[in-house]
Amino acid sequence: MLEGDYIRRGAAEFVGTFALLFIACGGAAYARTPTDLALANGLAIGVMVVAVGFISGGFFNPAVTLGFLVTRRISPLLAVWYWIVQFGAAALAVLLVAWVLPPAPQNGAKLGVPALGTGITSGKGVVVEAVLTFFLVWVVFAAAVDLRGTAKQVGGLAIGFTIAMGVLMAYGITGAAMNPARAFGPQLVGDHWANWWVWYIGPFAGAVIAAALYELLYLRKPADAGDAPRS
């Protein structure tokens, strides 16, 4: 792969991740209901996947990147590059949100940092984030990777709906991040690190399980068991 490919792919991942964090964290300050946030998150991802998914894959999520890495659908070097871009874009997007927002809504929403709901332990939070990210990565593989899928041309729509579905279900439980970059940006800029591991262990675990299981069940034929998965 040429260096220029890394630059173009990285730029697409940067814009997509930046858009998600800017919309999600900015919207958290003024959203009246979880439905508003679900719509904002789902639209941001869906639109960006449709727009630039053909360039970079439209991951915008370090957990999705890990799922593609463990199934050997991207190289380790490209995965590391995506992680740098995704986490960097997240931090810069929230910095811009912090600069734009007045102090009152900014402090009230804590820049959109995900948090555990009342009575939810960190262990339960990890499980919820893992399950939601499992659904997300499962849909990514079914809609955007599996060539037999009927939703390949509108994969961004399916992926966006999955994000919205997760936020509707779990916003009050864990914040429904499903994305370590989504947690990292506001955690870093706002210095909010309570139970920070929930939004890294959960999504990474869910992504690995979903990617490996879909790959094993549907993308690898028995005759290919000893061969590397095809890109």
Protein backbone atom coordinates (compact mmCIF):
# COMPACT_ATOMS: atom_id res chain seq x y z
CA MET A 1 0.00 0.00 0.00
CA LEU A 2 1.29 3.40 -0.94
CA GLU A 3 1.86 6.13 1.62
CA GLY A 4 -0.77 8.20 -0.13
CA ASP A 5 -3.33 5.50 0.58
CA TYR A 6 -2.60 5.84 4.29
CA ILE A 7 -3.04 9.59 4.07
CA ARG A 8 -6.34 9.39 2.19
CA ARG A 9 -7.68 6.63 4.42
CA GLY A 10 -6.54 8.44 7.53
CA ALA A 11 -8.20 11.67 6.40
CA ALA A 12 -11.50 9.84 5.85
CA GLU A 13 -11.29 8.23 9.29
CA PHE A 14 -10.42 11.57 10.85
CA VAL A 15 -13.39 13.38 9.33
CA GLY A 16 -15.83 10.60 10.20
CA THR A 17 -14.66 10.27 13.81
CA PHE A 18 -14.50 14.04 14.23
CA ALA A 19 -18.07 14.35 12.96
CA LEU A 20 -19.34 11.72 15.41
CA LEU A 21 -17.72 13.36 18.44
CA PHE A 22 -18.63 16.90 17.41
CA ILE A 23 -22.29 15.99 16.87
CA ALA A 24 -22.65 13.60 19.81
CA CYS A 25 -20.84 15.68 22.44
CA GLY A 26 -22.17 19.00 21.23
CA GLY A 27 -25.69 17.61 21.07
CA ALA A 28 -25.46 16.19 24.59
CA ALA A 29 -25.49 19.73 25.98
CA TYR A 30 -28.89 20.56 24.51
CA ALA A 31 -30.64 17.26 23.77
CA ARG A 32 -33.94 16.97 25.61
CA THR A 33 -34.38 13.21 25.37
CA PRO A 34 -32.28 10.10 24.65
CA THR A 35 -34.16 9.90 21.36
CA ASP A 36 -32.54 13.16 20.27
CA LEU A 37 -29.09 11.77 21.06
CA ALA A 38 -29.84 8.44 19.40
CA LEU A 39 -30.85 10.24 16.22
CA ALA A 40 -27.78 12.50 16.31
CA ASN A 41 -25.35 9.61 16.85
CA GLY A 42 -27.00 7.34 14.32
CA LEU A 43 -27.17 10.00 11.62
CA ALA A 44 -23.56 11.05 12.14
CA ILE A 45 -22.28 7.51 11.69
CA GLY A 46 -24.70 6.53 8.93
CA VAL A 47 -23.99 9.59 6.80
CA MET A 48 -20.22 9.30 7.18
CA VAL A 49 -20.16 5.57 6.42
CA VAL A 50 -22.09 6.20 3.21
CA ALA A 51 -19.89 9.19 2.34
CA VAL A 52 -16.40 7.77 2.87
CA GLY A 53 -16.81 4.09 3.71
CA PHE A 54 -15.47 3.17 0.28
CA ILE A 55 -12.24 5.03 1.08
CA SER A 56 -11.31 3.83 4.56
CA GLY A 57 -13.92 1.26 5.44
CA GLY A 58 -15.80 3.80 7.53
CA PHE A 59 -14.74 2.44 10.91
CA PHE A 60 -14.63 5.67 13.01
CA ASN A 61 -14.27 3.42 16.05
CA PRO A 62 -11.14 1.78 17.53
CA ALA A 63 -13.22 -1.26 18.52
CA VAL A 64 -14.34 -1.81 14.93
CA THR A 65 -10.73 -1.42 13.86
CA LEU A 66 -9.72 -4.12 16.34
CA GLY A 67 -12.41 -6.43 14.98
CA PHE A 68 -10.96 -6.08 11.49
CA LEU A 69 -7.44 -6.56 12.84
CA VAL A 70 -8.15 -9.82 14.69
CA THR A 71 -9.82 -11.23 11.58
CA ARG A 72 -6.81 -10.11 9.52
CA ARG A 73 -8.86 -7.86 7.28
CA ILE A 74 -6.47 -4.94 7.78
CA SER A 75 -2.75 -4.90 8.47
CA PRO A 76 -1.39 -4.16 11.97
CA LEU A 77 0.28 -1.00 10.66
CA LEU A 78 -2.95 0.33 9.20
CA ALA A 79 -4.81 -0.55 12.39
CA VAL A 80 -2.34 1.42 14.51
CA TRP A 81 -2.62 4.36 12.09
CA TYR A 82 -6.41 4.26 12.35
CA TRP A 83 -6.23 4.21 16.17
CA ILE A 84 -3.97 7.27 16.19
CA VAL A 85 -6.31 9.11 13.82
CA GLN A 86 -9.49 8.07 15.60
CA PHE A 87 -8.36 8.99 19.11
CA GLY A 88 -6.77 12.19 17.84
CA ALA A 89 -9.89 13.24 15.95
CA ALA A 90 -12.00 12.54 19.04
CA ALA A 91 -9.86 14.79 21.24
CA LEU A 92 -9.79 17.62 18.71
CA ALA A 93 -13.55 17.47 18.13
CA VAL A 94 -14.31 17.76 21.84
CA LEU A 95 -11.77 20.56 22.23
CA LEU A 96 -13.71 22.47 19.59
CA VAL A 97 -17.01 21.69 21.32
CA ALA A 98 -15.55 22.95 24.62
CA TRP A 99 -14.49 26.18 22.93
CA VAL A 100 -17.87 26.71 21.27
CA LEU A 101 -20.23 25.92 24.17
CA PRO A 102 -21.04 28.41 26.92
CA PRO A 103 -19.97 27.24 30.41
CA ALA A 104 -23.41 26.28 31.76
CA PRO A 105 -24.51 23.66 29.19
CA GLN A 106 -20.92 22.51 28.76
CA ASN A 107 -20.50 21.77 32.46
CA GLY A 108 -23.97 20.33 32.82
CA ALA A 109 -23.40 17.78 30.07
CA LYS A 110 -19.75 17.21 31.05
CA LEU A 111 -18.94 17.46 27.34
CA GLY A 112 -20.93 14.31 26.67
CA VAL A 113 -18.71 11.97 28.68
CA PRO A 114 -20.44 8.58 29.12
CA ALA A 115 -21.34 7.67 32.69
CA LEU A 116 -22.85 4.77 34.60
CA GLY A 117 -26.48 5.12 35.61
CA THR A 118 -27.72 4.94 39.17
CA GLY A 119 -27.30 1.44 40.57
CA ILE A 120 -25.16 0.26 37.62
CA THR A 121 -21.83 -1.22 38.67
CA SER A 122 -18.74 -1.04 36.48
CA GLY A 123 -18.99 -4.78 35.82
CA LYS A 124 -22.54 -4.45 34.53
CA GLY A 125 -21.47 -1.46 32.50
CA VAL A 126 -18.73 -3.47 30.80
CA VAL A 127 -21.23 -6.18 29.89
CA VAL A 128 -23.73 -3.69 28.44
CA GLU A 129 -21.05 -1.94 26.37
CA ALA A 130 -19.73 -5.31 25.19
CA VAL A 131 -23.18 -6.50 24.10
CA LEU A 132 -24.01 -3.25 22.31
CA THR A 133 -20.66 -3.24 20.50
CA PHE A 134 -21.15 -6.90 19.60
CA PHE A 135 -24.38 -5.91 17.84
CA LEU A 136 -22.63 -3.02 16.11
CA VAL A 137 -19.68 -5.02 14.79
CA TRP A 138 -21.95 -7.92 13.84
CA VAL A 139 -23.98 -5.53 11.68
CA VAL A 140 -20.81 -3.96 10.24
CA PHE A 141 -19.61 -7.37 9.08
CA ALA A 142 -23.03 -8.41 7.79
CA ALA A 143 -23.80 -5.14 6.01
CA ALA A 144 -20.38 -3.98 4.81
CA VAL A 145 -18.07 -7.01 4.67
CA ASP A 146 -20.17 -10.02 3.68
CA LEU A 147 -20.55 -9.80 -0.09
CA ARG A 148 -23.72 -11.87 0.11
CA GLY A 149 -25.43 -9.28 2.27
CA THR A 150 -28.43 -7.50 0.77
CA ALA A 151 -27.59 -4.29 2.64
CA LYS A 152 -24.12 -3.66 1.24
CA GLN A 153 -25.15 -0.62 -0.80
CA VAL A 154 -26.95 0.91 2.17
CA GLY A 155 -24.67 -0.43 4.87
CA GLY A 156 -24.31 2.99 6.45
CA LEU A 157 -28.05 3.07 7.10
CA ALA A 158 -27.98 -0.28 8.91
CA ILE A 159 -24.91 0.72 10.93
CA GLY A 160 -26.44 4.08 11.85
CA PHE A 161 -29.66 2.41 12.97
CA THR A 162 -27.63 0.04 15.14
CA ILE A 163 -25.95 2.98 16.86
CA ALA A 164 -29.32 4.67 17.40
CA MET A 165 -30.79 1.43 18.75
CA GLY A 166 -27.97 1.13 21.28
CA VAL A 167 -28.34 4.72 22.48
CA LEU A 168 -32.09 4.33 22.88
CA MET A 169 -31.61 1.23 25.01
CA ALA A 170 -28.60 2.11 27.13
CA TYR A 171 -28.11 5.86 27.29
CA GLY A 172 -29.28 5.87 30.90
CA ILE A 173 -27.24 2.77 31.74
CA THR A 174 -23.77 3.49 30.37
CA GLY A 175 -24.18 6.39 27.96
CA ALA A 176 -24.11 3.82 25.14
CA ALA A 177 -20.72 4.82 23.76
CA MET A 178 -19.94 1.56 21.92
CA ASN A 179 -16.74 3.27 20.89
CA PRO A 180 -13.54 3.93 22.89
CA ALA A 181 -12.90 7.13 20.91
CA ARG A 182 -16.40 8.36 21.80
CA ALA A 183 -15.43 8.00 25.47
CA PHE A 184 -11.82 9.18 25.16
CA GLY A 185 -12.50 12.63 23.70
CA PRO A 186 -14.69 14.00 26.51
CA GLN A 187 -12.77 12.08 29.18
CA LEU A 188 -9.51 13.70 28.12
CA VAL A 189 -10.75 17.24 27.48
CA GLY A 190 -13.02 17.38 30.52
CA ASP A 191 -10.76 15.30 32.76
CA HIS A 192 -13.61 12.95 33.67
CA TRP A 193 -12.14 9.48 34.28
CA ALA A 194 -14.60 7.78 36.64
CA ASN A 195 -14.85 4.07 35.72
CA TRP A 196 -12.99 4.89 32.51
CA TRP A 197 -12.16 1.25 31.74
CA VAL A 198 -15.83 0.40 31.13
CA TRP A 199 -15.79 2.13 27.74
CA TYR A 200 -12.60 0.41 26.59
CA ILE A 201 -12.81 -3.15 27.90
CA GLY A 202 -16.49 -3.53 26.97
CA PRO A 203 -16.35 -2.29 23.36
CA PHE A 204 -13.02 -3.99 22.59
CA ALA A 205 -14.27 -7.33 23.97
CA GLY A 206 -17.61 -7.12 22.18
CA ALA A 207 -15.94 -6.20 18.89
CA VAL A 208 -13.46 -9.08 19.01
CA ILE A 209 -16.16 -11.65 19.82
CA ALA A 210 -18.52 -10.40 17.11
CA ALA A 211 -15.86 -10.13 14.41
CA ALA A 212 -14.33 -13.52 15.15
CA LEU A 213 -17.71 -15.24 15.37
CA TYR A 214 -19.07 -13.75 12.14
CA GLU A 215 -15.83 -14.54 10.37
CA LEU A 216 -15.87 -18.14 11.59
CA LEU A 217 -19.54 -18.81 10.92
CA TYR A 218 -20.14 -17.01 7.64
CA LEU A 219 -16.97 -15.77 5.93
CA ARG A 220 -14.63 -18.76 6.14
CA LYS A 221 -15.45 -21.92 4.25
CA PRO A 222 -14.20 -25.22 5.71
CA ALA A 223 -11.74 -25.55 2.82
CA ASP A 224 -10.27 -22.15 3.73
CA ALA A 225 -9.70 -23.00 7.39
CA GLY A 226 -5.93 -22.97 7.02
CA ASP A 227 -5.80 -19.89 4.82
CA ALA A 228 -5.79 -16.22 5.69
CA PRO A 229 -9.23 -14.56 5.40
CA ARG A 230 -9.78 -12.74 2.16
CA SER A 231 -10.05 -8.93 2.14
